């Protein structure tokens, strides 16, 4: 459905708001996961499990790269 006038602006504003809400939620959950992983990493380091520790650190880096370098929506 194509709106014109003020309805088109309202539709665009609603989409922008929802996109930002989705992005903010994704960032928040990613940060929570990374914090949990850091707690696990401390235990792995104390136990001397280097292979698992390296895998977790790689996952952390991947999450951070995805979160900060991948746009949610690309301009067309």
C-alpha atoms as a PDB file:
ATOM      1  CA  UNK A   1       0.000   0.000   0.000  1.00  0.00           C
ATOM      2  CA  UNK A   2       1.483   3.300  -1.070  1.00  0.00           C
ATOM      3  CA  UNK A   3       0.610   6.275   1.052  1.00  0.00           C
ATOM      4  CA  UNK A   4       0.986   9.895   0.062  1.00  0.00           C
ATOM      5  CA  UNK A   5       1.307  13.032   2.115  1.00  0.00           C
ATOM      6  CA  UNK A   6       1.490  12.841   5.902  1.00  0.00           C
ATOM      7  CA  UNK A   7       0.644   9.124   5.888  1.00  0.00           C
ATOM      8  CA  UNK A   8       3.779   8.382   3.873  1.00  0.00           C
ATOM      9  CA  UNK A   9       5.896  10.251   6.404  1.00  0.00           C
ATOM     10  CA  UNK A  10       4.200   8.418   9.272  1.00  0.00           C
ATOM     11  CA  UNK A  11       4.859   5.075   7.623  1.00  0.00           C
ATOM     12  CA  UNK A  12       8.516   5.981   7.071  1.00  0.00           C
ATOM     13  CA  UNK A  13       8.864   7.147  10.690  1.00  0.00           C
ATOM     14  CA  UNK A  14       7.317   3.914  11.992  1.00  0.00           C
ATOM     15  CA  UNK A  15       9.692   1.791   9.898  1.00  0.00           C
ATOM     16  CA  UNK A  16      12.689   3.813  11.044  1.00  0.00           C
ATOM     17  CA  UNK A  17      11.632   3.504  14.688  1.00  0.00           C
ATOM     18  CA  UNK A  18      11.144  -0.255  14.426  1.00  0.00           C
ATOM     19  CA  UNK A  19      14.464  -0.725  12.624  1.00  0.00           C
ATOM     20  CA  UNK A  20      16.221   1.199  15.379  1.00  0.00           C
ATOM     21  CA  UNK A  21      14.396  -0.816  18.044  1.00  0.00           C
ATOM     22  CA  UNK A  22      15.472  -4.101  16.435  1.00  0.00           C
ATOM     23  CA  UNK A  23      19.071  -2.887  16.142  1.00  0.00           C
ATOM     24  CA  UNK A  24      19.167  -1.686  19.758  1.00  0.00           C
ATOM     25  CA  UNK A  25      17.794  -5.015  20.987  1.00  0.00           C
ATOM     26  CA  UNK A  26      20.302  -6.964  18.902  1.00  0.00           C
ATOM     27  CA  UNK A  27      23.177  -4.863  20.263  1.00  0.00           C
ATOM     28  CA  UNK A  28      21.957  -5.273  23.832  1.00  0.00           C
ATOM     29  CA  UNK A  29      21.668  -9.055  23.559  1.00  0.00           C
ATOM     30  CA  UNK A  30      25.047  -9.309  21.838  1.00  0.00           C
ATOM     31  CA  UNK A  31      26.692  -7.346  24.647  1.00  0.00           C
ATOM     32  CA  UNK A  32      25.029  -9.612  27.235  1.00  0.00           C
ATOM     33  CA  UNK A  33      26.344 -12.673  25.400  1.00  0.00           C
ATOM     34  CA  UNK A  34      29.856 -11.222  25.269  1.00  0.00           C
ATOM     35  CA  UNK A  35      29.756 -10.465  29.003  1.00  0.00           C
ATOM     36  CA  UNK A  36      28.701 -14.051  29.708  1.00  0.00           C
ATOM     37  CA  UNK A  37      31.492 -15.303  27.459  1.00  0.00           C
ATOM     38  CA  UNK A  38      34.036 -13.226  29.353  1.00  0.00           C
ATOM     39  CA  UNK A  39      32.994 -14.947  32.582  1.00  0.00           C
ATOM     40  CA  UNK A  40      33.398 -18.320  30.908  1.00  0.00           C
ATOM     41  CA  UNK A  41      36.758 -17.212  29.514  1.00  0.00           C
ATOM     42  CA  UNK A  42      38.033 -16.450  33.020  1.00  0.00           C
ATOM     43  CA  UNK A  43      37.105 -19.987  34.107  1.00  0.00           C
ATOM     44  CA  UNK A  44      38.692 -21.514  31.016  1.00  0.00           C
ATOM     45  CA  UNK A  45      41.877 -19.534  31.595  1.00  0.00           C
ATOM     46  CA  UNK A  46      42.000 -20.667  35.223  1.00  0.00           C
ATOM     47  CA  UNK A  47      41.515 -24.285  34.133  1.00  0.00           C
ATOM     48  CA  UNK A  48      44.217 -23.947  31.469  1.00  0.00           C
ATOM     49  CA  UNK A  49      41.948 -24.828  28.559  1.00  0.00           C
ATOM     50  CA  UNK A  50      43.692 -22.781  25.883  1.00  0.00           C
ATOM     51  CA  UNK A  51      41.909 -24.270  22.860  1.00  0.00           C
ATOM     52  CA  UNK A  52      38.426 -23.495  24.206  1.00  0.00           C
ATOM     53  CA  UNK A  53      39.610 -20.068  25.361  1.00  0.00           C
ATOM     54  CA  UNK A  54      40.897 -19.224  21.878  1.00  0.00           C
ATOM     55  CA  UNK A  55      37.635 -20.389  20.301  1.00  0.00           C
ATOM     56  CA  UNK A  56      35.622 -18.191  22.668  1.00  0.00           C
ATOM     57  CA  UNK A  57      37.818 -15.172  21.980  1.00  0.00           C
ATOM     58  CA  UNK A  58      37.364 -15.691  18.239  1.00  0.00           C
ATOM     59  CA  UNK A  59      33.597 -15.830  18.763  1.00  0.00           C
ATOM     60  CA  UNK A  60      33.733 -12.597  20.778  1.00  0.00           C
ATOM     61  CA  UNK A  61      35.649 -10.877  17.981  1.00  0.00           C
ATOM     62  CA  UNK A  62      33.168 -12.168  15.408  1.00  0.00           C
ATOM     63  CA  UNK A  63      30.221 -10.836  17.419  1.00  0.00           C
ATOM     64  CA  UNK A  64      31.881  -7.442  17.790  1.00  0.00           C
ATOM     65  CA  UNK A  65      32.734  -7.267  14.080  1.00  0.00           C
ATOM     66  CA  UNK A  66      29.195  -8.164  13.086  1.00  0.00           C
ATOM     67  CA  UNK A  67      27.697  -5.666  15.485  1.00  0.00           C
ATOM     68  CA  UNK A  68      29.870  -2.709  14.504  1.00  0.00           C
ATOM     69  CA  UNK A  69      30.666  -3.277  10.829  1.00  0.00           C
ATOM     70  CA  UNK A  70      27.445  -4.696   9.384  1.00  0.00           C
ATOM     71  CA  UNK A  71      24.683  -2.183   8.779  1.00  0.00           C
ATOM     72  CA  UNK A  72      21.172  -3.272   9.671  1.00  0.00           C
ATOM     73  CA  UNK A  73      19.708  -1.757   6.549  1.00  0.00           C
ATOM     74  CA  UNK A  74      21.613  -0.701   3.453  1.00  0.00           C
ATOM     75  CA  UNK A  75      20.634   2.304   1.417  1.00  0.00           C
ATOM     76  CA  UNK A  76      19.575   1.310  -2.068  1.00  0.00           C
END
